């Protein structure tokens, strides 16, 4: 049983034997038209080059035996060959474009206003992205719930005077470590009472006074 490849090889051989165009490697010139034609009676498939005359007269087949004809190539639609002068102009234009491109690649970037002449843009961008110097911590702003209190005062509790002093890290109670004001209150009156008591009520003006050293 013959394979598809074998069948294709046989068909190609038959076509080459019958088709003068393919056998002689003829080309479609500007005044020619190339047709693919199949015979309805013999099933013969060939190519035909026509130059002005009709396809039927070129084939020599009866009209009713032409199963189909298909225009493969029309030489009249081809552009005329390019002249040597046009080819030279195109080569010169391509060389000029290549030269301009290489000059742009070698030209340093234009310096920005205030920068040194010829300084690459990449170095300027690198300067902008350098890490900033660490800045000193700003004093704690009085914008919390305890902003109404002075920075240093005395509050009596349990028969004793206790000194409160505002710092960047919180409040110092009697010279201790800085803690949140709510924590300082808890040390005096207990955690539960501190949570249930507001700053305004606990540090009313009549209960807060200046330290004797500031008086």
Protein backbone atom coordinates (compact mmCIF):
# COMPACT_ATOMS: atom_id res chain seq x y z
CA UNK A 1 0.00 0.00 0.00
CA UNK A 2 1.55 3.30 -1.07
CA UNK A 3 2.04 6.04 1.50
CA UNK A 4 1.08 9.70 1.19
CA UNK A 5 4.71 10.70 0.65
CA UNK A 6 5.06 8.14 -2.14
CA UNK A 7 1.84 9.35 -3.77
CA UNK A 8 3.01 12.93 -3.58
CA UNK A 9 6.35 12.02 -5.17
CA UNK A 10 4.56 10.28 -8.05
CA UNK A 11 2.21 13.27 -8.61
CA UNK A 12 5.16 15.66 -8.68
CA UNK A 13 6.96 13.49 -11.21
CA UNK A 14 3.89 13.35 -13.46
CA UNK A 15 3.37 17.10 -13.21
CA UNK A 16 7.02 17.79 -14.08
CA UNK A 17 6.74 15.46 -17.08
CA UNK A 18 3.63 17.22 -18.46
CA UNK A 19 4.26 20.85 -17.36
CA UNK A 20 6.72 22.63 -19.66
CA UNK A 21 6.79 25.71 -17.37
CA UNK A 22 8.06 23.78 -14.34
CA UNK A 23 10.25 21.39 -16.39
CA UNK A 24 12.06 24.27 -18.14
CA UNK A 25 11.94 26.58 -15.05
CA UNK A 26 10.25 29.36 -16.99
CA UNK A 27 9.56 32.65 -15.22
CA UNK A 28 6.69 35.10 -15.48
CA UNK A 29 7.98 38.23 -17.19
CA UNK A 30 6.24 41.60 -17.11
CA UNK A 31 4.17 40.85 -20.27
CA UNK A 32 3.12 37.35 -19.17
CA UNK A 33 0.46 35.79 -17.03
CA UNK A 34 0.90 32.46 -15.28
CA UNK A 35 -2.15 30.17 -14.99
CA UNK A 36 -2.71 26.85 -13.24
CA UNK A 37 -5.05 24.70 -15.35
CA UNK A 38 -6.63 21.23 -14.89
CA UNK A 39 -8.12 19.05 -17.61
CA UNK A 40 -11.60 17.69 -16.80
CA UNK A 41 -11.18 14.57 -18.96
CA UNK A 42 -7.57 13.49 -18.36
CA UNK A 43 -7.18 15.08 -14.86
CA UNK A 44 -3.94 16.62 -16.16
CA UNK A 45 -2.68 19.60 -14.10
CA UNK A 46 -0.18 22.01 -15.68
CA UNK A 47 1.01 25.63 -15.63
CA UNK A 48 0.65 27.86 -18.67
CA UNK A 49 2.39 31.16 -19.51
CA UNK A 50 0.20 33.44 -21.62
CA UNK A 51 1.53 36.47 -23.47
CA UNK A 52 -1.36 38.41 -25.04
CA UNK A 53 -3.16 35.43 -26.53
CA UNK A 54 -6.15 33.67 -24.97
CA UNK A 55 -5.67 30.78 -22.55
CA UNK A 56 -7.69 28.38 -24.76
CA UNK A 57 -5.56 29.07 -27.85
CA UNK A 58 -2.38 28.63 -25.82
CA UNK A 59 -3.57 25.32 -24.35
CA UNK A 60 -5.09 23.85 -27.48
CA UNK A 61 -7.72 22.09 -25.38
CA UNK A 62 -11.43 22.21 -26.14
CA UNK A 63 -13.10 24.74 -23.89
CA UNK A 64 -15.34 22.08 -22.28
CA UNK A 65 -12.25 20.10 -21.16
CA UNK A 66 -10.95 22.93 -18.98
CA UNK A 67 -12.11 21.96 -15.48
CA UNK A 68 -10.73 25.15 -13.95
CA UNK A 69 -8.08 27.81 -14.56
CA UNK A 70 -6.51 29.94 -11.86
CA UNK A 71 -4.32 33.02 -12.26
CA UNK A 72 -1.18 32.38 -10.21
CA UNK A 73 0.95 35.38 -11.13
CA UNK A 74 0.51 38.52 -13.20
CA UNK A 75 3.78 39.95 -14.45
CA UNK A 76 2.12 43.28 -15.27
CA UNK A 77 1.60 43.99 -11.58
CA UNK A 78 5.31 43.73 -10.81
CA UNK A 79 7.20 46.92 -10.18
CA UNK A 80 9.95 47.77 -12.67
CA UNK A 81 13.48 46.86 -11.58
CA UNK A 82 15.20 49.46 -9.42
CA UNK A 83 17.78 51.56 -11.23
CA UNK A 84 21.41 51.65 -10.09
CA UNK A 85 21.07 55.39 -9.38
CA UNK A 86 18.17 54.73 -6.98
CA UNK A 87 20.13 51.95 -5.29
CA UNK A 88 23.10 54.31 -4.78
CA UNK A 89 20.89 57.03 -3.24
CA UNK A 90 19.36 54.49 -0.85
CA UNK A 91 22.80 53.24 0.21
CA UNK A 92 23.99 56.82 0.87
CA UNK A 93 20.85 57.63 2.93
CA UNK A 94 21.31 54.46 5.02
CA UNK A 95 24.96 55.36 5.68
CA UNK A 96 23.99 58.88 6.79
CA UNK A 97 21.36 57.53 9.20
CA UNK A 98 23.91 55.13 10.68
CA UNK A 99 26.44 57.96 11.13
CA UNK A 100 23.90 60.23 12.86
CA UNK A 101 22.90 57.43 15.21
CA UNK A 102 26.51 56.78 16.23
CA UNK A 103 27.12 60.51 16.81
CA UNK A 104 24.08 60.77 19.09
CA UNK A 105 25.32 57.79 21.11
CA UNK A 106 28.76 59.41 21.62
CA UNK A 107 27.43 62.90 22.51
CA UNK A 108 27.22 63.58 26.30
CA UNK A 109 23.89 64.61 27.71
CA UNK A 110 23.13 68.33 28.01
CA UNK A 111 23.91 69.56 31.56
CA UNK A 112 21.04 70.78 33.69
CA UNK A 113 20.82 74.37 34.87
CA UNK A 114 23.38 74.94 37.62
CA UNK A 115 25.28 71.71 36.82
CA UNK A 116 28.78 71.33 35.44
CA UNK A 117 29.17 71.23 31.66
CA UNK A 118 29.41 67.72 30.29
CA UNK A 119 28.38 66.05 33.53
CA UNK A 120 26.41 62.86 32.72
CA UNK A 121 22.74 62.80 33.63
CA UNK A 122 23.20 59.46 35.39
CA UNK A 123 25.56 61.01 37.96
CA UNK A 124 23.05 63.81 38.66
CA UNK A 125 20.31 61.29 39.29
CA UNK A 126 22.62 59.35 41.59
CA UNK A 127 23.23 62.51 43.64
CA UNK A 128 19.50 63.06 44.03
CA UNK A 129 18.99 59.51 45.32
CA UNK A 130 21.69 59.65 48.00
CA UNK A 131 20.52 59.00 51.51
CA UNK A 132 19.68 62.09 53.50
CA UNK A 133 21.53 62.85 56.71
CA UNK A 134 19.71 61.65 59.80
CA UNK A 135 17.96 64.50 61.55
CA UNK A 136 17.67 64.94 65.25
CA UNK A 137 14.40 63.82 66.78
CA UNK A 138 11.95 66.64 67.13
CA UNK A 139 10.50 67.39 70.57
CA UNK A 140 7.21 65.72 71.19
CA UNK A 141 4.40 67.98 70.07
CA UNK A 142 1.61 68.83 72.48
CA UNK A 143 -1.18 67.47 70.33
CA UNK A 144 -2.43 64.52 72.39
CA UNK A 145 -5.07 64.20 75.09
CA UNK A 146 -2.60 65.66 77.62
CA UNK A 147 -1.84 68.81 75.61
CA UNK A 148 -3.61 71.00 78.16
CA UNK A 149 -1.05 70.14 80.88
CA UNK A 150 2.10 72.17 81.56
CA UNK A 151 5.45 70.54 80.85
CA UNK A 152 6.25 70.27 84.56
CA UNK A 153 3.83 70.23 87.52
CA UNK A 154 3.05 68.65 90.89
CA UNK A 155 -0.04 66.55 91.69
CA UNK A 156 -0.81 65.47 95.24
CA UNK A 157 -1.97 61.85 95.71
CA UNK A 158 -2.33 59.79 98.90
CA UNK A 159 -1.06 62.66 100.99
CA UNK A 160 2.16 63.00 98.99
CA UNK A 161 3.30 65.34 96.23
CA UNK A 162 4.31 63.71 92.97
CA UNK A 163 6.20 65.54 90.20
CA UNK A 164 5.23 65.05 86.55
CA UNK A 165 7.61 66.16 83.79
CA UNK A 166 6.94 65.98 80.06
CA UNK A 167 9.72 64.47 77.84
CA UNK A 168 10.05 63.33 74.24
CA UNK A 169 9.39 59.75 75.32
CA UNK A 170 6.46 60.39 77.65
CA UNK A 171 6.14 61.56 81.26
CA UNK A 172 8.62 61.16 84.09
CA UNK A 173 6.94 60.45 87.43
CA UNK A 174 9.15 61.57 90.31
CA UNK A 175 12.26 61.43 88.09
CA UNK A 176 11.65 57.87 86.82
CA UNK A 177 11.74 56.52 83.27
CA UNK A 178 9.48 58.18 80.67
CA UNK A 179 6.12 56.39 80.44
CA UNK A 180 2.70 57.23 78.97
CA UNK A 181 0.62 59.50 81.19
CA UNK A 182 -1.99 56.78 81.68
CA UNK A 183 0.78 54.47 82.99
CA UNK A 184 2.01 57.15 85.38
CA UNK A 185 -1.53 57.54 86.71
CA UNK A 186 -1.80 53.76 87.16
CA UNK A 187 1.31 53.74 89.34
CA UNK A 188 -0.41 56.15 91.72
CA UNK A 189 -4.05 55.04 91.71
CA UNK A 190 -4.02 51.52 90.29
CA UNK A 191 -4.68 50.17 86.79
CA UNK A 192 -8.47 49.91 87.03
CA UNK A 193 -8.95 53.39 88.50
CA UNK A 194 -6.57 54.91 85.94
CA UNK A 195 -8.61 53.44 83.07
CA UNK A 196 -11.86 54.74 84.56
CA UNK A 197 -10.53 58.27 85.18
CA UNK A 198 -10.02 60.89 82.47
CA UNK A 199 -6.97 63.11 82.26
CA UNK A 200 -9.07 66.26 82.54
CA UNK A 201 -10.76 65.15 85.75
CA UNK A 202 -7.60 63.84 87.43
CA UNK A 203 -5.43 66.83 86.51
CA UNK A 204 -7.89 69.64 87.13
CA UNK A 205 -6.43 73.07 87.56
CA UNK A 206 -7.18 73.09 91.27
CA UNK A 207 -5.20 69.86 91.75
CA UNK A 208 -2.11 70.79 89.73
CA UNK A 209 0.52 73.30 90.84
CA UNK A 210 3.99 74.36 89.87
CA UNK A 211 6.95 72.72 91.61
CA UNK A 212 8.46 74.76 94.42
CA UNK A 213 11.75 75.10 92.45
CA UNK A 214 9.80 76.76 89.59
CA UNK A 215 7.70 78.96 91.84
